[in-house]
PDB file of N, CA and C in Angstrom:
ATOM      1  N   MET A   1       0.846  -1.188   0.000  1.00  0.00           N
ATOM      2  CA  MET A   1       0.000   0.000   0.000  1.00  0.00           C
ATOM      3  C   MET A   1       0.882   1.240   0.000  1.00  0.00           C
ATOM      4  N   SER A   2       0.377   2.295  -0.488  1.00  0.00           N
ATOM      5  CA  SER A   2       1.121   3.535  -0.648  1.00  0.00           C
ATOM      6  C   SER A   2       1.699   4.061   0.659  1.00  0.00           C
ATOM      7  N   LYS A   3       0.982   3.886   1.748  1.00  0.00           N
ATOM      8  CA  LYS A   3       1.436   4.450   3.015  1.00  0.00           C
ATOM      9  C   LYS A   3       2.749   3.830   3.474  1.00  0.00           C
ATOM     10  N   LYS A   4       3.037   2.595   3.085  1.00  0.00           N
ATOM     11  CA  LYS A   4       4.271   1.944   3.506  1.00  0.00           C
ATOM     12  C   LYS A   4       5.483   2.599   2.857  1.00  0.00           C
ATOM     13  N   ASN A   5       5.310   3.220   1.730  1.00  0.00           N
ATOM     14  CA  ASN A   5       6.388   3.907   1.042  1.00  0.00           C
ATOM     15  C   ASN A   5       6.465   5.376   1.426  1.00  0.00           C
ATOM     16  N   GLY A   6       5.638   5.814   2.345  1.00  0.00           N
ATOM     17  CA  GLY A   6       5.618   7.199   2.752  1.00  0.00           C
ATOM     18  C   GLY A   6       4.837   8.094   1.811  1.00  0.00           C
ATOM     19  N   ASN A   7       4.130   7.520   0.866  1.00  0.00           N
ATOM     20  CA  ASN A   7       3.342   8.302  -0.075  1.00  0.00           C
ATOM     21  C   ASN A   7       1.944   8.495   0.519  1.00  0.00           C
ATOM     22  N   TYR A   8       1.878   9.355   1.506  1.00  0.00           N
ATOM     23  CA  TYR A   8       0.631   9.545   2.236  1.00  0.00           C
ATOM     24  C   TYR A   8      -0.463  10.163   1.369  1.00  0.00           C
ATOM     25  N   ASP A   9      -0.081  11.067   0.472  1.00  0.00           N
ATOM     26  CA  ASP A   9      -1.084  11.708  -0.385  1.00  0.00           C
ATOM     27  C   ASP A   9      -1.845  10.685  -1.209  1.00  0.00           C
ATOM     28  N   LEU A  10      -1.127   9.732  -1.757  1.00  0.00           N
ATOM     29  CA  LEU A  10      -1.777   8.700  -2.560  1.00  0.00           C
ATOM     30  C   LEU A  10      -2.651   7.794  -1.687  1.00  0.00           C
ATOM     31  N   ALA A  11      -2.167   7.457  -0.508  1.00  0.00           N
ATOM     32  CA  ALA A  11      -2.959   6.643   0.414  1.00  0.00           C
ATOM     33  C   ALA A  11      -4.225   7.384   0.829  1.00  0.00           C
ATOM     34  N   PHE A  12      -4.083   8.677   1.162  1.00  0.00           N
ATOM     35  CA  PHE A  12      -5.262   9.484   1.501  1.00  0.00           C
ATOM     36  C   PHE A  12      -6.266   9.486   0.355  1.00  0.00           C
ATOM     37  N   LYS A  13      -5.765   9.684  -0.839  1.00  0.00           N
ATOM     38  CA  LYS A  13      -6.633   9.750  -2.013  1.00  0.00           C
ATOM     39  C   LYS A  13      -7.453   8.479  -2.169  1.00  0.00           C
ATOM     40  N   TYR A  14      -6.794   7.326  -2.123  1.00  0.00           N
ATOM     41  CA  TYR A  14      -7.502   6.060  -2.328  1.00  0.00           C
ATOM     42  C   TYR A  14      -8.452   5.736  -1.187  1.00  0.00           C
ATOM     43  N   LEU A  15      -8.043   6.020   0.024  1.00  0.00           N
ATOM     44  CA  LEU A  15      -8.915   5.732   1.163  1.00  0.00           C
ATOM     45  C   LEU A  15     -10.129   6.649   1.185  1.00  0.00           C
ATOM     46  N   LYS A  16      -9.930   7.919   0.877  1.00  0.00           N
ATOM     47  CA  LYS A  16     -11.075   8.836   0.821  1.00  0.00           C
ATOM     48  C   LYS A  16     -12.011   8.463  -0.326  1.00  0.00           C
ATOM     49  N   GLN A  17     -11.437   7.992  -1.424  1.00  0.00           N
ATOM     50  CA  GLN A  17     -12.267   7.530  -2.540  1.00  0.00           C
ATOM     51  C   GLN A  17     -13.077   6.310  -2.115  1.00  0.00           C
ATOM     52  N   SER A  18     -12.465   5.400  -1.389  1.00  0.00           N
ATOM     53  CA  SER A  18     -13.163   4.218  -0.885  1.00  0.00           C
ATOM     54  C   SER A  18     -14.316   4.622   0.034  1.00  0.00           C
ATOM     55  N   ILE A  19     -14.060   5.576   0.906  1.00  0.00           N
ATOM     56  CA  ILE A  19     -15.093   6.051   1.833  1.00  0.00           C
ATOM     57  C   ILE A  19     -16.214   6.761   1.080  1.00  0.00           C
ATOM     58  N   SER A  20     -15.865   7.486   0.017  1.00  0.00           N
ATOM     59  CA  SER A  20     -16.915   8.170  -0.756  1.00  0.00           C
ATOM     60  C   SER A  20     -17.825   7.160  -1.455  1.00  0.00           C
ATOM     61  N   LEU A  21     -17.288   5.991  -1.785  1.00  0.00           N
ATOM     62  CA  LEU A  21     -18.093   4.944  -2.403  1.00  0.00           C
ATOM     63  C   LEU A  21     -18.918   4.165  -1.387  1.00  0.00           C
ATOM     64  N   ASP A  22     -18.405   4.072  -0.164  1.00  0.00           N
ATOM     65  CA  ASP A  22     -19.094   3.342   0.903  1.00  0.00           C
ATOM     66  C   ASP A  22     -18.770   4.008   2.234  1.00  0.00           C
ATOM     67  N   SER A  23     -19.632   4.900   2.673  1.00  0.00           N
ATOM     68  CA  SER A  23     -19.371   5.661   3.897  1.00  0.00           C
ATOM     69  C   SER A  23     -19.472   4.816   5.162  1.00  0.00           C
ATOM     70  N   ASN A  24     -19.858   3.559   5.018  1.00  0.00           N
ATOM     71  CA  ASN A  24     -19.912   2.641   6.163  1.00  0.00           C
ATOM     72  C   ASN A  24     -18.757   1.651   6.169  1.00  0.00           C
ATOM     73  N   ASN A  25     -17.722   1.940   5.415  1.00  0.00           N
ATOM     74  CA  ASN A  25     -16.569   1.051   5.305  1.00  0.00           C
ATOM     75  C   ASN A  25     -15.655   1.269   6.507  1.00  0.00           C
ATOM     76  N   CYS A  26     -15.872   0.484   7.545  1.00  0.00           N
ATOM     77  CA  CYS A  26     -15.130   0.676   8.793  1.00  0.00           C
ATOM     78  C   CYS A  26     -13.637   0.436   8.606  1.00  0.00           C
ATOM     79  N   ARG A  27     -13.280  -0.494   7.726  1.00  0.00           N
ATOM     80  CA  ARG A  27     -11.859  -0.771   7.509  1.00  0.00           C
ATOM     81  C   ARG A  27     -11.148   0.419   6.858  1.00  0.00           C
ATOM     82  N   ALA A  28     -11.820   1.086   5.926  1.00  0.00           N
ATOM     83  CA  ALA A  28     -11.218   2.256   5.285  1.00  0.00           C
ATOM     84  C   ALA A  28     -10.962   3.356   6.306  1.00  0.00           C
ATOM     85  N   TYR A  29     -11.896   3.551   7.242  1.00  0.00           N
ATOM     86  CA  TYR A  29     -11.689   4.559   8.277  1.00  0.00           C
ATOM     87  C   TYR A  29     -10.514   4.185   9.182  1.00  0.00           C
ATOM     88  N   ALA A  30     -10.403   2.908   9.523  1.00  0.00           N
ATOM     89  CA  ALA A  30      -9.287   2.468  10.362  1.00  0.00           C
ATOM     90  C   ALA A  30      -7.959   2.672   9.632  1.00  0.00           C
ATOM     91  N   GLU A  31      -7.922   2.325   8.353  1.00  0.00           N
ATOM     92  CA  GLU A  31      -6.701   2.516   7.573  1.00  0.00           C
ATOM     93  C   GLU A  31      -6.376   4.001   7.413  1.00  0.00           C
ATOM     94  N   LEU A  32      -7.409   4.817   7.217  1.00  0.00           N
ATOM     95  CA  LEU A  32      -7.193   6.257   7.124  1.00  0.00           C
ATOM     96  C   LEU A  32      -6.614   6.775   8.442  1.00  0.00           C
ATOM     97  N   GLY A  33      -7.108   6.250   9.547  1.00  0.00           N
ATOM     98  CA  GLY A  33      -6.534   6.604  10.845  1.00  0.00           C
ATOM     99  C   GLY A  33      -5.067   6.247  10.921  1.00  0.00           C
ATOM    100  N   ASN A  34      -4.706   5.077  10.391  1.00  0.00           N
ATOM    101  CA  ASN A  34      -3.298   4.670  10.384  1.00  0.00           C
ATOM    102  C   ASN A  34      -2.444   5.625   9.558  1.00  0.00           C
ATOM    103  N   VAL A  35      -2.955   6.045   8.417  1.00  0.00           N
ATOM    104  CA  VAL A  35      -2.203   6.971   7.566  1.00  0.00           C
ATOM    105  C   VAL A  35      -2.050   8.323   8.261  1.00  0.00           C
ATOM    106  N   PHE A  36      -3.120   8.801   8.891  1.00  0.00           N
ATOM    107  CA  PHE A  36      -3.005  10.053   9.645  1.00  0.00           C
ATOM    108  C   PHE A  36      -1.957   9.907  10.752  1.00  0.00           C
ATOM    109  N   ALA A  37      -1.976   8.787  11.461  1.00  0.00           N
ATOM    110  CA  ALA A  37      -1.012   8.581  12.547  1.00  0.00           C
ATOM    111  C   ALA A  37       0.415   8.574  12.013  1.00  0.00           C
ATOM    112  N   MET A  38       0.638   7.879  10.911  1.00  0.00           N
ATOM    113  CA  MET A  38       1.984   7.807  10.346  1.00  0.00           C
ATOM    114  C   MET A  38       2.453   9.151   9.795  1.00  0.00           C
ATOM    115  N   SER A  39       1.507  10.002   9.417  1.00  0.00           N
ATOM    116  CA  SER A  39       1.893  11.314   8.908  1.00  0.00           C
ATOM    117  C   SER A  39       1.994  12.349  10.030  1.00  0.00           C
ATOM    118  N   GLY A  40       1.702  11.926  11.265  1.00  0.00           N
ATOM    119  CA  GLY A  40       1.857  12.807  12.423  1.00  0.00           C
ATOM    120  C   GLY A  40       0.609  13.563  12.834  1.00  0.00           C
ATOM    121  N   ASP A  41      -0.515  13.274  12.204  1.00  0.00           N
ATOM    122  CA  ASP A  41      -1.766  13.959  12.535  1.00  0.00           C
ATOM    123  C   ASP A  41      -2.581  13.061  13.478  1.00  0.00           C
ATOM    124  N   TYR A  42      -2.229  13.102  14.761  1.00  0.00           N
ATOM    125  CA  TYR A  42      -2.795  12.177  15.739  1.00  0.00           C
ATOM    126  C   TYR A  42      -4.260  12.468  16.047  1.00  0.00           C
ATOM    127  N   ASN A  43      -4.653  13.715  15.993  1.00  0.00           N
ATOM    128  CA  ASN A  43      -6.046  14.055  16.245  1.00  0.00           C
ATOM    129  C   ASN A  43      -6.948  13.426  15.178  1.00  0.00           C
ATOM    130  N   ASN A  44      -6.596  13.586  13.915  1.00  0.00           N
ATOM    131  CA  ASN A  44      -7.402  12.983  12.855  1.00  0.00           C
ATOM    132  C   ASN A  44      -7.297  11.460  12.850  1.00  0.00           C
ATOM    133  N   ALA A  45      -6.186  10.940  13.319  1.00  0.00           N
ATOM    134  CA  ALA A  45      -6.072   9.487  13.462  1.00  0.00           C
ATOM    135  C   ALA A  45      -7.133   8.996  14.444  1.00  0.00           C
ATOM    136  N   LEU A  46      -7.225   9.644  15.611  1.00  0.00           N
ATOM    137  CA  LEU A  46      -8.221   9.240  16.609  1.00  0.00           C
ATOM    138  C   LEU A  46      -9.647   9.406  16.088  1.00  0.00           C
ATOM    139  N   ILE A  47      -9.891  10.480  15.369  1.00  0.00           N
ATOM    140  CA  ILE A  47     -11.228  10.700  14.805  1.00  0.00           C
ATOM    141  C   ILE A  47     -11.612   9.542  13.892  1.00  0.00           C
ATOM    142  N   ASN A  48     -10.687   9.114  13.054  1.00  0.00           N
ATOM    143  CA  ASN A  48     -10.992   8.028  12.117  1.00  0.00           C
ATOM    144  C   ASN A  48     -11.065   6.675  12.801  1.00  0.00           C
ATOM    145  N   TYR A  49     -10.237   6.431  13.812  1.00  0.00           N
ATOM    146  CA  TYR A  49     -10.370   5.186  14.579  1.00  0.00           C
ATOM    147  C   TYR A  49     -11.738   5.137  15.254  1.00  0.00           C
ATOM    148  N   ASN A  50     -12.142   6.255  15.832  1.00  0.00           N
ATOM    149  CA  ASN A  50     -13.453   6.298  16.505  1.00  0.00           C
ATOM    150  C   ASN A  50     -14.593   6.109  15.513  1.00  0.00           C
ATOM    151  N   ARG A  51     -14.458   6.665  14.335  1.00  0.00           N
ATOM    152  CA  ARG A  51     -15.490   6.471  13.303  1.00  0.00           C
ATOM    153  C   ARG A  51     -15.562   4.999  12.915  1.00  0.00           C
ATOM    154  N   SER A  52     -14.415   4.375  12.752  1.00  0.00           N
ATOM    155  CA  SER A  52     -14.383   2.950  12.417  1.00  0.00           C
ATOM    156  C   SER A  52     -15.071   2.132  13.506  1.00  0.00           C
ATOM    157  N   ILE A  53     -14.762   2.445  14.747  1.00  0.00           N
ATOM    158  CA  ILE A  53     -15.367   1.728  15.878  1.00  0.00           C
ATOM    159  C   ILE A  53     -16.875   1.952  15.918  1.00  0.00           C
ATOM    160  N   SER A  54     -17.315   3.161  15.623  1.00  0.00           N
ATOM    161  CA  SER A  54     -18.752   3.432  15.654  1.00  0.00           C
ATOM    162  C   SER A  54     -19.495   2.630  14.586  1.00  0.00           C
ATOM    163  N   LEU A  55     -18.803   2.289  13.512  1.00  0.00           N
ATOM    164  CA  LEU A  55     -19.423   1.505  12.440  1.00  0.00           C
ATOM    165  C   LEU A  55     -19.397   0.004  12.719  1.00  0.00           C
ATOM    166  N   ASP A  56     -18.388  -0.451  13.464  1.00  0.00           N
ATOM    167  CA  ASP A  56     -18.287  -1.881  13.785  1.00  0.00           C
ATOM    168  C   ASP A  56     -17.563  -2.040  15.120  1.00  0.00           C
ATOM    169  N   LYS A  57     -18.336  -2.143  16.169  1.00  0.00           N
ATOM    170  CA  LYS A  57     -17.771  -2.260  17.518  1.00  0.00           C
ATOM    171  C   LYS A  57     -17.127  -3.615  17.784  1.00  0.00           C
ATOM    172  N   THR A  58     -17.272  -4.570  16.854  1.00  0.00           N
ATOM    173  CA  THR A  58     -16.690  -5.897  17.039  1.00  0.00           C
ATOM    174  C   THR A  58     -15.338  -6.060  16.342  1.00  0.00           C
ATOM    175  N   ASN A  59     -14.881  -5.040  15.652  1.00  0.00           N
ATOM    176  CA  ASN A  59     -13.607  -5.101  14.947  1.00  0.00           C
ATOM    177  C   ASN A  59     -12.481  -4.711  15.909  1.00  0.00           C
ATOM    178  N   PRO A  60     -11.549  -5.615  16.192  1.00  0.00           N
ATOM    179  CA  PRO A  60     -10.507  -5.311  17.175  1.00  0.00           C
ATOM    180  C   PRO A  60      -9.424  -4.353  16.670  1.00  0.00           C
ATOM    181  N   TYR A  61      -9.264  -4.229  15.366  1.00  0.00           N
ATOM    182  CA  TYR A  61      -8.111  -3.514  14.833  1.00  0.00           C
ATOM    183  C   TYR A  61      -8.083  -2.018  15.128  1.00  0.00           C
ATOM    184  N   PRO A  62      -9.208  -1.287  15.024  1.00  0.00           N
ATOM    185  CA  PRO A  62      -9.107   0.130  15.388  1.00  0.00           C
ATOM    186  C   PRO A  62      -8.856   0.338  16.887  1.00  0.00           C
ATOM    187  N   TYR A  63      -9.333  -0.595  17.718  1.00  0.00           N
ATOM    188  CA  TYR A  63      -9.025  -0.505  19.148  1.00  0.00           C
ATOM    189  C   TYR A  63      -7.520  -0.674  19.376  1.00  0.00           C
ATOM    190  N   ASN A  64      -6.936  -1.634  18.684  1.00  0.00           N
ATOM    191  CA  ASN A  64      -5.503  -1.863  18.801  1.00  0.00           C
ATOM    192  C   ASN A  64      -4.719  -0.646  18.314  1.00  0.00           C
ATOM    193  N   SER A  65      -5.146  -0.078  17.199  1.00  0.00           N
ATOM    194  CA  SER A  65      -4.465   1.104  16.662  1.00  0.00           C
ATOM    195  C   SER A  65      -4.584   2.288  17.615  1.00  0.00           C
ATOM    196  N   LYS A  66      -5.764   2.468  18.218  1.00  0.00           N
ATOM    197  CA  LYS A  66      -5.928   3.533  19.214  1.00  0.00           C
ATOM    198  C   LYS A  66      -5.009   3.296  20.404  1.00  0.00           C
ATOM    199  N   GLY A  67      -4.922   2.051  20.835  1.00  0.00           N
ATOM    200  CA  GLY A  67      -4.042   1.734  21.951  1.00  0.00           C
ATOM    201  C   GLY A  67      -2.597   2.075  21.633  1.00  0.00           C
ATOM    202  N   ALA A  68      -2.164   1.727  20.435  1.00  0.00           N
ATOM    203  CA  ALA A  68      -0.789   2.029  20.028  1.00  0.00           C
ATOM    204  C   ALA A  68      -0.554   3.533  19.981  1.00  0.00           C
ATOM    205  N   LEU A  69      -1.529   4.260  19.482  1.00  0.00           N
ATOM    206  CA  LEU A  69      -1.405   5.715  19.406  1.00  0.00           C
ATOM    207  C   LEU A  69      -1.302   6.327  20.799  1.00  0.00           C
ATOM    208  N   TYR A  70      -2.175   5.906  21.700  1.00  0.00           N
ATOM    209  CA  TYR A  70      -2.115   6.415  23.072  1.00  0.00           C
ATOM    210  C   TYR A  70      -0.797   6.015  23.744  1.00  0.00           C
ATOM    211  N   TYR A  71      -0.350   4.806  23.504  1.00  0.00           N
ATOM    212  CA  TYR A  71       0.884   4.328  24.129  1.00  0.00           C
ATOM    213  C   TYR A  71       2.090   5.138  23.653  1.00  0.00           C
ATOM    214  N   GLN A  72       2.154   5.409  22.350  1.00  0.00           N
ATOM    215  CA  GLN A  72       3.319   6.085  21.792  1.00  0.00           C
ATOM    216  C   GLN A  72       3.324   7.592  22.002  1.00  0.00           C
ATOM    217  N   PHE A  73       2.149   8.214  21.976  1.00  0.00           N
ATOM    218  CA  PHE A  73       2.113   9.666  21.893  1.00  0.00           C
ATOM    219  C   PHE A  73       1.297  10.346  22.976  1.00  0.00           C
ATOM    220  N   SER A  74       1.049   9.654  24.073  1.00  0.00           N
ATOM    221  CA  SER A  74       0.227  10.235  25.118  1.00  0.00           C
ATOM    222  C   SER A  74       0.797   9.867  26.471  1.00  0.00           C
ATOM    223  N   ASN A  75       0.470  10.663  27.435  1.00  0.00           N
ATOM    224  CA  ASN A  75       0.849  10.350  28.814  1.00  0.00           C
ATOM    225  C   ASN A  75      -0.257   9.595  29.531  1.00  0.00           C
ATOM    226  N   VAL A  76      -1.262   9.160  28.783  1.00  0.00           N
ATOM    227  CA  VAL A  76      -2.417   8.498  29.376  1.00  0.00           C
ATOM    228  C   VAL A  76      -2.322   6.997  29.082  1.00  0.00           C
ATOM    229  N   ASP A  77      -1.482   6.311  29.849  1.00  0.00           N
ATOM    230  CA  ASP A  77      -1.296   4.877  29.629  1.00  0.00           C
ATOM    231  C   ASP A  77      -2.577   4.086  29.855  1.00  0.00           C
ATOM    232  N   SER A  78      -3.441   4.585  30.737  1.00  0.00           N
ATOM    233  CA  SER A  78      -4.678   3.852  31.006  1.00  0.00           C
ATOM    234  C   SER A  78      -5.544   3.760  29.757  1.00  0.00           C
ATOM    235  N   LEU A  79      -5.526   4.776  28.900  1.00  0.00           N
ATOM    236  CA  LEU A  79      -6.289   4.716  27.646  1.00  0.00           C
ATOM    237  C   LEU A  79      -5.675   3.704  26.687  1.00  0.00           C
ATOM    238  N   ALA A  80      -4.368   3.607  26.670  1.00  0.00           N
ATOM    239  CA  ALA A  80      -3.710   2.603  25.835  1.00  0.00           C
ATOM    240  C   ALA A  80      -4.104   1.212  26.308  1.00  0.00           C
ATOM    241  N   ILE A  81      -4.017   0.973  27.594  1.00  0.00           N
ATOM    242  CA  ILE A  81      -4.343  -0.342  28.157  1.00  0.00           C
ATOM    243  C   ILE A  81      -5.806  -0.683  27.915  1.00  0.00           C
ATOM    244  N   LEU A  82      -6.690   0.270  28.105  1.00  0.00           N
ATOM    245  CA  LEU A  82      -8.114   0.050  27.874  1.00  0.00           C
ATOM    246  C   LEU A  82      -8.370  -0.407  26.437  1.00  0.00           C
ATOM    247  N   ASN A  83      -7.765   0.271  25.472  1.00  0.00           N
ATOM    248  CA  ASN A  83      -7.975  -0.079  24.071  1.00  0.00           C
ATOM    249  C   ASN A  83      -7.309  -1.395  23.703  1.00  0.00           C
ATOM    250  N   PHE A  84      -6.113  -1.644  24.220  1.00  0.00           N
ATOM    251  CA  PHE A  84      -5.466  -2.939  23.960  1.00  0.00           C
ATOM    252  C   PHE A  84      -6.293  -4.087  24.529  1.00  0.00           C
ATOM    253  N   ASN A  85      -6.821  -3.901  25.742  1.00  0.00           N
ATOM    254  CA  ASN A  85      -7.643  -4.946  26.354  1.00  0.00           C
ATOM    255  C   ASN A  85      -8.920  -5.193  25.565  1.00  0.00           C
ATOM    256  N   LYS A  86      -9.536  -4.140  25.058  1.00  0.00           N
ATOM    257  CA  LYS A  86     -10.747  -4.293  24.246  1.00  0.00           C
ATOM    258  C   LYS A  86     -10.424  -5.069  22.969  1.00  0.00           C
ATOM    259  N   ALA A  87      -9.325  -4.725  22.314  1.00  0.00           N
ATOM    260  CA  ALA A  87      -8.920  -5.440  21.099  1.00  0.00           C
ATOM    261  C   ALA A  87      -8.678  -6.911  21.412  1.00  0.00           C
ATOM    262  N   LEU A  88      -7.988  -7.179  22.495  1.00  0.00           N
ATOM    263  CA  LEU A  88      -7.693  -8.561  22.875  1.00  0.00           C
ATOM    264  C   LEU A  88      -8.963  -9.343  23.162  1.00  0.00           C
ATOM    265  N   SER A  89      -9.899  -8.738  23.869  1.00  0.00           N
ATOM    266  CA  SER A  89     -11.146  -9.448  24.177  1.00  0.00           C
ATOM    267  C   SER A  89     -11.933  -9.751  22.905  1.00  0.00           C
ATOM    268  N   LEU A  90     -11.919  -8.844  21.947  1.00  0.00           N
ATOM    269  CA  LEU A  90     -12.624  -9.092  20.685  1.00  0.00           C
ATOM    270  C   LEU A  90     -11.951 -10.192  19.876  1.00  0.00           C
ATOM    271  N   ILE A  91     -10.619 -10.201  19.894  1.00  0.00           N
ATOM    272  CA  ILE A  91      -9.899 -11.252  19.188  1.00  0.00           C
ATOM    273  C   ILE A  91     -10.197 -12.616  19.821  1.00  0.00           C
ATOM    274  N   LYS A  92     -10.218 -12.665  21.135  1.00  0.00           N
ATOM    275  CA  LYS A  92     -10.518 -13.920  21.837  1.00  0.00           C
ATOM    276  C   LYS A  92     -11.924 -14.429  21.502  1.00  0.00           C
ATOM    277  N   GLN A  93     -12.871 -13.512  21.321  1.00  0.00           N
ATOM    278  CA  GLN A  93     -14.235 -13.903  20.973  1.00  0.00           C
ATOM    279  C   GLN A  93     -14.308 -14.477  19.568  1.00  0.00           C
ATOM    280  N   THR A  94     -13.403 -14.048  18.711  1.00  0.00           N
ATOM    281  CA  THR A  94     -13.394 -14.489  17.316  1.00  0.00           C
ATOM    282  C   THR A  94     -12.835 -15.899  17.175  1.00  0.00           C
ATOM    283  N   TYR A  95     -11.880 -16.235  18.045  1.00  0.00           N
ATOM    284  CA  TYR A  95     -11.202 -17.531  17.892  1.00  0.00           C
ATOM    285  C   TYR A  95     -11.591 -18.509  18.937  1.00  0.00           C
TER     286      TYR A  95
END
């Protein structure tokens, strides 16, 4: 994917296009959050992770991404742990 090469503009373009075609695409919002996080825009990363979660509360991946964001860039470790635990519990329910 484009974001792995640091081509955030191209990743943004494709993900926003995906969302414009399906505004309920929770995975696209989670991926958009990842691109925002990698580009240093942590506020928009959280907004997109939260949007993804609001569309599918059973998907563990945006919870995990939120946990990583809080762990790396926040002094609020309890929020990181809360999100990691939620992701883990959802994964356990799946398997």
